[in-house]
Amino acid sequence: MALASKHSGELVATTVVEVPEGESLFTGRRRTREMEPLLEKCVRFAESKGVPAKSVVKIGHRASQS
C-alpha cells in the first residue's frame, strides 16, 4: 500500500479459487462468494487510507496457472 500511495498507483487484492480437475470451472463461482467479504474489506481499508483499490478473483484448476 505504501508503494501504491507513493507512486499514485492502486492496490489489487487478488485470490484464487481452485477447482478440482474434472469439475467445471463454473462450480468455483459458488466458492468465490466466500472470498468476497474479505476482499471487500481489503478494498475498503485501502480506500480509507486514500489508495484506490479493486479486487480480483481468479478461478482455475491449478492455482499456479490462475
C-alpha atoms as a PDB file:
ATOM      1  CA  MET A   1       0.000   0.000   0.000  1.00  0.00           C
ATOM      2  CA  ALA A   2       2.893   2.344   0.719  1.00  0.00           C
ATOM      3  CA  LEU A   3       4.269   1.898  -2.814  1.00  0.00           C
ATOM      4  CA  ALA A   4       0.872   2.466  -4.425  1.00  0.00           C
ATOM      5  CA  SER A   5       0.393   5.595  -2.370  1.00  0.00           C
ATOM      6  CA  LYS A   6       3.836   6.988  -3.137  1.00  0.00           C
ATOM      7  CA  HIS A   7       3.641   6.331  -6.893  1.00  0.00           C
ATOM      8  CA  SER A   8      -0.045   7.178  -7.429  1.00  0.00           C
ATOM      9  CA  GLY A   9      -0.844   3.536  -8.077  1.00  0.00           C
ATOM     10  CA  GLU A  10      -3.646   1.275  -6.993  1.00  0.00           C
ATOM     11  CA  LEU A  11      -3.903  -1.826  -4.845  1.00  0.00           C
ATOM     12  CA  VAL A  12      -5.286  -5.044  -6.333  1.00  0.00           C
ATOM     13  CA  ALA A  13      -6.466  -7.600  -3.766  1.00  0.00           C
ATOM     14  CA  THR A  14      -6.299 -10.972  -5.528  1.00  0.00           C
ATOM     15  CA  THR A  15      -7.213 -14.538  -4.610  1.00  0.00           C
ATOM     16  CA  VAL A  16      -7.511 -17.825  -6.490  1.00  0.00           C
ATOM     17  CA  VAL A  17     -10.330 -20.341  -6.139  1.00  0.00           C
ATOM     18  CA  GLU A  18      -9.011 -23.744  -7.136  1.00  0.00           C
ATOM     19  CA  VAL A  19     -11.486 -26.213  -8.664  1.00  0.00           C
ATOM     20  CA  PRO A  20     -10.586 -29.929  -8.747  1.00  0.00           C
ATOM     21  CA  GLU A  21      -9.684 -31.385 -12.154  1.00  0.00           C
ATOM     22  CA  GLY A  22     -12.713 -32.801 -13.890  1.00  0.00           C
ATOM     23  CA  GLU A  23     -15.117 -30.281 -12.384  1.00  0.00           C
ATOM     24  CA  SER A  24     -16.470 -27.362 -14.354  1.00  0.00           C
ATOM     25  CA  LEU A  25     -14.849 -24.023 -13.568  1.00  0.00           C
ATOM     26  CA  PHE A  26     -18.374 -22.716 -13.100  1.00  0.00           C
ATOM     27  CA  THR A  27     -18.569 -24.673  -9.826  1.00  0.00           C
ATOM     28  CA  GLY A  28     -15.851 -22.403  -8.464  1.00  0.00           C
ATOM     29  CA  ARG A  29     -18.171 -19.417  -8.799  1.00  0.00           C
ATOM     30  CA  ARG A  30     -20.066 -20.506  -5.702  1.00  0.00           C
ATOM     31  CA  ARG A  31     -16.845 -20.595  -3.712  1.00  0.00           C
ATOM     32  CA  THR A  32     -15.918 -17.071  -4.772  1.00  0.00           C
ATOM     33  CA  ARG A  33     -18.796 -15.772  -2.681  1.00  0.00           C
ATOM     34  CA  GLU A  34     -16.927 -16.981   0.401  1.00  0.00           C
ATOM     35  CA  MET A  35     -13.903 -14.860  -0.554  1.00  0.00           C
ATOM     36  CA  GLU A  36     -15.752 -11.679  -1.461  1.00  0.00           C
ATOM     37  CA  PRO A  37     -16.268 -10.283   2.090  1.00  0.00           C
ATOM     38  CA  LEU A  38     -12.544 -10.456   2.877  1.00  0.00           C
ATOM     39  CA  LEU A  39     -11.553  -8.895  -0.434  1.00  0.00           C
ATOM     40  CA  GLU A  40     -14.085  -6.114   0.020  1.00  0.00           C
ATOM     41  CA  LYS A  41     -12.667  -5.466   3.487  1.00  0.00           C
ATOM     42  CA  CYS A  42      -9.207  -5.076   1.924  1.00  0.00           C
ATOM     43  CA  VAL A  43     -10.560  -2.663  -0.689  1.00  0.00           C
ATOM     44  CA  ARG A  44     -12.378  -0.558   1.910  1.00  0.00           C
ATOM     45  CA  PHE A  45      -9.248  -0.419   4.103  1.00  0.00           C
ATOM     46  CA  ALA A  46      -7.046   0.747   1.230  1.00  0.00           C
ATOM     47  CA  GLU A  47      -9.577   3.345   0.144  1.00  0.00           C
ATOM     48  CA  SER A  48      -9.881   4.621   3.715  1.00  0.00           C
ATOM     49  CA  LYS A  49      -6.140   5.337   3.518  1.00  0.00           C
ATOM     50  CA  GLY A  50      -6.548   7.185   0.210  1.00  0.00           C
ATOM     51  CA  VAL A  51      -5.293   4.380  -2.045  1.00  0.00           C
ATOM     52  CA  PRO A  52      -7.556   3.332  -4.918  1.00  0.00           C
ATOM     53  CA  ALA A  53      -8.226  -0.403  -4.836  1.00  0.00           C
ATOM     54  CA  LYS A  54     -10.103  -3.205  -6.545  1.00  0.00           C
ATOM     55  CA  SER A  55     -10.472  -6.928  -6.043  1.00  0.00           C
ATOM     56  CA  VAL A  56      -9.925  -9.816  -8.455  1.00  0.00           C
ATOM     57  CA  VAL A  57     -10.943 -13.441  -8.026  1.00  0.00           C
ATOM     58  CA  LYS A  58      -9.451 -15.985 -10.415  1.00  0.00           C
ATOM     59  CA  ILE A  59     -10.969 -19.432 -10.872  1.00  0.00           C
ATOM     60  CA  GLY A  60      -8.866 -22.288 -12.183  1.00  0.00           C
ATOM     61  CA  HIS A  61      -7.916 -25.928 -11.923  1.00  0.00           C
ATOM     62  CA  ARG A  62      -4.394 -25.027 -10.792  1.00  0.00           C
ATOM     63  CA  ALA A  63      -3.563 -22.057  -8.635  1.00  0.00           C
ATOM     64  CA  SER A  64      -0.143 -21.755 -10.270  1.00  0.00           C
ATOM     65  CA  GLN A  65      -1.738 -21.171 -13.670  1.00  0.00           C
ATOM     66  CA  SER A  66      -4.551 -18.963 -12.481  1.00  0.00           C
END
